[in-house]
C-alpha atoms as a PDB file:
ATOM      1  CA  UNK A   1       6.572 -13.351  26.716  1.00  0.00           C
ATOM      2  CA  UNK A   2       7.698 -12.703  23.115  1.00  0.00           C
ATOM      3  CA  UNK A   3       7.371  -9.197  21.792  1.00  0.00           C
ATOM      4  CA  UNK A   4       6.059  -8.387  18.372  1.00  0.00           C
ATOM      5  CA  UNK A   5       8.781  -7.462  15.862  1.00  0.00           C
ATOM      6  CA  UNK A   6       8.739  -3.891  14.614  1.00  0.00           C
ATOM      7  CA  UNK A   7       6.368  -3.421  11.702  1.00  0.00           C
ATOM      8  CA  UNK A   8       9.252  -2.215   9.548  1.00  0.00           C
ATOM      9  CA  UNK A   9      10.897  -5.650   9.953  1.00  0.00           C
ATOM     10  CA  UNK A  10       7.846  -7.431   8.560  1.00  0.00           C
ATOM     11  CA  UNK A  11       7.199  -5.396   5.410  1.00  0.00           C
ATOM     12  CA  UNK A  12       8.987  -5.744   2.080  1.00  0.00           C
ATOM     13  CA  UNK A  13      10.940  -2.579   1.202  1.00  0.00           C
ATOM     14  CA  UNK A  14      10.251  -1.025   4.624  1.00  0.00           C
ATOM     15  CA  UNK A  15      13.956  -0.268   5.088  1.00  0.00           C
ATOM     16  CA  UNK A  16      13.864   1.809   1.901  1.00  0.00           C
ATOM     17  CA  UNK A  17      10.781   3.618   3.203  1.00  0.00           C
ATOM     18  CA  UNK A  18      12.515   4.387   6.518  1.00  0.00           C
ATOM     19  CA  UNK A  19      15.586   5.723   4.725  1.00  0.00           C
ATOM     20  CA  UNK A  20      13.442   7.864   2.417  1.00  0.00           C
ATOM     21  CA  UNK A  21      11.444   9.304   5.334  1.00  0.00           C
ATOM     22  CA  UNK A  22      14.666  10.268   7.120  1.00  0.00           C
ATOM     23  CA  UNK A  23      16.192  11.727   3.949  1.00  0.00           C
ATOM     24  CA  UNK A  24      13.044  13.608   2.927  1.00  0.00           C
ATOM     25  CA  UNK A  25      12.538  15.076   6.385  1.00  0.00           C
ATOM     26  CA  UNK A  26      16.150  16.238   6.539  1.00  0.00           C
ATOM     27  CA  UNK A  27      15.737  17.990   3.147  1.00  0.00           C
ATOM     28  CA  UNK A  28      12.292  19.452   3.857  1.00  0.00           C
ATOM     29  CA  UNK A  29      11.861  23.098   4.857  1.00  0.00           C
ATOM     30  CA  UNK A  30      12.299  23.364   8.631  1.00  0.00           C
ATOM     31  CA  UNK A  31      12.867  19.586   8.703  1.00  0.00           C
ATOM     32  CA  UNK A  32       9.134  18.949   8.558  1.00  0.00           C
ATOM     33  CA  UNK A  33       7.413  16.310   6.499  1.00  0.00           C
ATOM     34  CA  UNK A  34       3.660  16.505   6.000  1.00  0.00           C
ATOM     35  CA  UNK A  35       0.964  13.839   6.097  1.00  0.00           C
ATOM     36  CA  UNK A  36       0.764  14.015   2.285  1.00  0.00           C
ATOM     37  CA  UNK A  37       4.479  13.321   1.842  1.00  0.00           C
ATOM     38  CA  UNK A  38       4.288  10.326   4.198  1.00  0.00           C
ATOM     39  CA  UNK A  39       1.420   8.949   2.099  1.00  0.00           C
ATOM     40  CA  UNK A  40       3.376   9.491  -1.124  1.00  0.00           C
ATOM     41  CA  UNK A  41       6.461   7.718   0.208  1.00  0.00           C
ATOM     42  CA  UNK A  42       4.361   4.871   1.615  1.00  0.00           C
ATOM     43  CA  UNK A  43       2.641   4.355  -1.739  1.00  0.00           C
ATOM     44  CA  UNK A  44       6.039   4.273  -3.440  1.00  0.00           C
ATOM     45  CA  UNK A  45       7.917   1.968  -1.057  1.00  0.00           C
ATOM     46  CA  UNK A  46       5.562  -0.125   1.059  1.00  0.00           C
ATOM     47  CA  UNK A  47       3.955  -3.309  -0.124  1.00  0.00           C
ATOM     48  CA  UNK A  48       1.062  -4.350   2.107  1.00  0.00           C
ATOM     49  CA  UNK A  49       1.119  -7.784   3.631  1.00  0.00           C
ATOM     50  CA  UNK A  50      -1.777 -10.198   3.397  1.00  0.00           C
ATOM     51  CA  UNK A  51      -4.863  -8.757   5.049  1.00  0.00           C
ATOM     52  CA  UNK A  52      -3.609  -5.166   4.879  1.00  0.00           C
ATOM     53  CA  UNK A  53      -4.196  -3.049   1.791  1.00  0.00           C
ATOM     54  CA  UNK A  54      -3.812   0.553   2.925  1.00  0.00           C
ATOM     55  CA  UNK A  55      -0.254   1.750   2.301  1.00  0.00           C
ATOM     56  CA  UNK A  56      -1.052   5.103   3.897  1.00  0.00           C
ATOM     57  CA  UNK A  57      -1.920   3.553   7.255  1.00  0.00           C
ATOM     58  CA  UNK A  58       1.112   1.272   7.023  1.00  0.00           C
ATOM     59  CA  UNK A  59       3.337   4.257   6.352  1.00  0.00           C
ATOM     60  CA  UNK A  60       1.972   6.164   9.303  1.00  0.00           C
ATOM     61  CA  UNK A  61       2.360   3.094  11.549  1.00  0.00           C
ATOM     62  CA  UNK A  62       6.016   2.724  10.531  1.00  0.00           C
ATOM     63  CA  UNK A  63       6.651   6.451  11.120  1.00  0.00           C
ATOM     64  CA  UNK A  64       5.040   6.144  14.574  1.00  0.00           C
ATOM     65  CA  UNK A  65       7.433   3.252  15.305  1.00  0.00           C
ATOM     66  CA  UNK A  66      10.346   5.370  14.074  1.00  0.00           C
ATOM     67  CA  UNK A  67       9.281   8.060  16.537  1.00  0.00           C
ATOM     68  CA  UNK A  68       9.040   5.511  19.361  1.00  0.00           C
ATOM     69  CA  UNK A  69      12.683   4.592  18.651  1.00  0.00           C
ATOM     70  CA  UNK A  70      13.751   8.257  18.749  1.00  0.00           C
ATOM     71  CA  UNK A  71      14.505   8.602  15.035  1.00  0.00           C
ATOM     72  CA  UNK A  72      11.947  11.353  14.456  1.00  0.00           C
ATOM     73  CA  UNK A  73       9.754  13.755  16.352  1.00  0.00           C
ATOM     74  CA  UNK A  74       6.139  13.582  15.243  1.00  0.00           C
ATOM     75  CA  UNK A  75       2.935  15.479  15.805  1.00  0.00           C
ATOM     76  CA  UNK A  76       0.000  13.116  15.991  1.00  0.00           C
ATOM     77  CA  UNK A  77      -3.606  13.473  14.954  1.00  0.00           C
ATOM     78  CA  UNK A  78      -6.598  11.178  14.861  1.00  0.00           C
ATOM     79  CA  UNK A  79      -8.247   9.936  11.670  1.00  0.00           C
ATOM     80  CA  UNK A  80     -12.030   9.932  11.358  1.00  0.00           C
ATOM     81  CA  UNK A  81     -12.116   6.286  12.463  1.00  0.00           C
ATOM     82  CA  UNK A  82     -10.141   7.076  15.637  1.00  0.00           C
ATOM     83  CA  UNK A  83      -6.801   5.612  14.539  1.00  0.00           C
ATOM     84  CA  UNK A  84      -3.643   7.562  15.332  1.00  0.00           C
ATOM     85  CA  UNK A  85      -1.972   9.127  12.326  1.00  0.00           C
ATOM     86  CA  UNK A  86       1.062  11.354  11.886  1.00  0.00           C
ATOM     87  CA  UNK A  87       0.173  14.946  11.143  1.00  0.00           C
ATOM     88  CA  UNK A  88       3.736  16.148  10.744  1.00  0.00           C
ATOM     89  CA  UNK A  89       7.271  14.764  11.056  1.00  0.00           C
ATOM     90  CA  UNK A  90      10.129  16.874  12.344  1.00  0.00           C
ATOM     91  CA  UNK A  91      13.618  15.550  11.723  1.00  0.00           C
ATOM     92  CA  UNK A  92      15.524  15.536  15.040  1.00  0.00           C
ATOM     93  CA  UNK A  93      18.509  17.243  13.416  1.00  0.00           C
ATOM     94  CA  UNK A  94      16.359  20.343  12.959  1.00  0.00           C
ATOM     95  CA  UNK A  95      15.521  20.373  16.680  1.00  0.00           C
ATOM     96  CA  UNK A  96      19.254  20.239  17.393  1.00  0.00           C
ATOM     97  CA  UNK A  97      19.913  23.115  15.015  1.00  0.00           C
ATOM     98  CA  UNK A  98      17.177  25.164  16.700  1.00  0.00           C
ATOM     99  CA  UNK A  99      18.643  24.425  20.153  1.00  0.00           C
ATOM    100  CA  UNK A 100      22.135  25.404  18.952  1.00  0.00           C
ATOM    101  CA  UNK A 101      20.823  28.687  17.533  1.00  0.00           C
ATOM    102  CA  UNK A 102      19.026  29.457  20.791  1.00  0.00           C
ATOM    103  CA  UNK A 103      22.191  28.769  22.781  1.00  0.00           C
ATOM    104  CA  UNK A 104      24.311  30.859  20.416  1.00  0.00           C
ATOM    105  CA  UNK A 105      21.952  33.840  20.679  1.00  0.00           C
END
């Protein structure tokens, strides 16, 4: 049974979006990236495929896939239509820094 390729592999410029999400979350205060920043980066980098026009939803879907692969920690929320969206992204490096500080204390 063939599996569906990751969404990021099917979208033009998705690799740039992934890199920007990782970079922005590592620079953000406390390593956290908000819903608004995800939308801004998606509008800048993602080009919807045929049948899909909402870059925001595409961006959130790619970030959810990034989380599934262990690249980011995310807090999820539900949009008014019931679809899962990312409320906040936490760069995993920040979690490591927090753990190191706790161990050092």
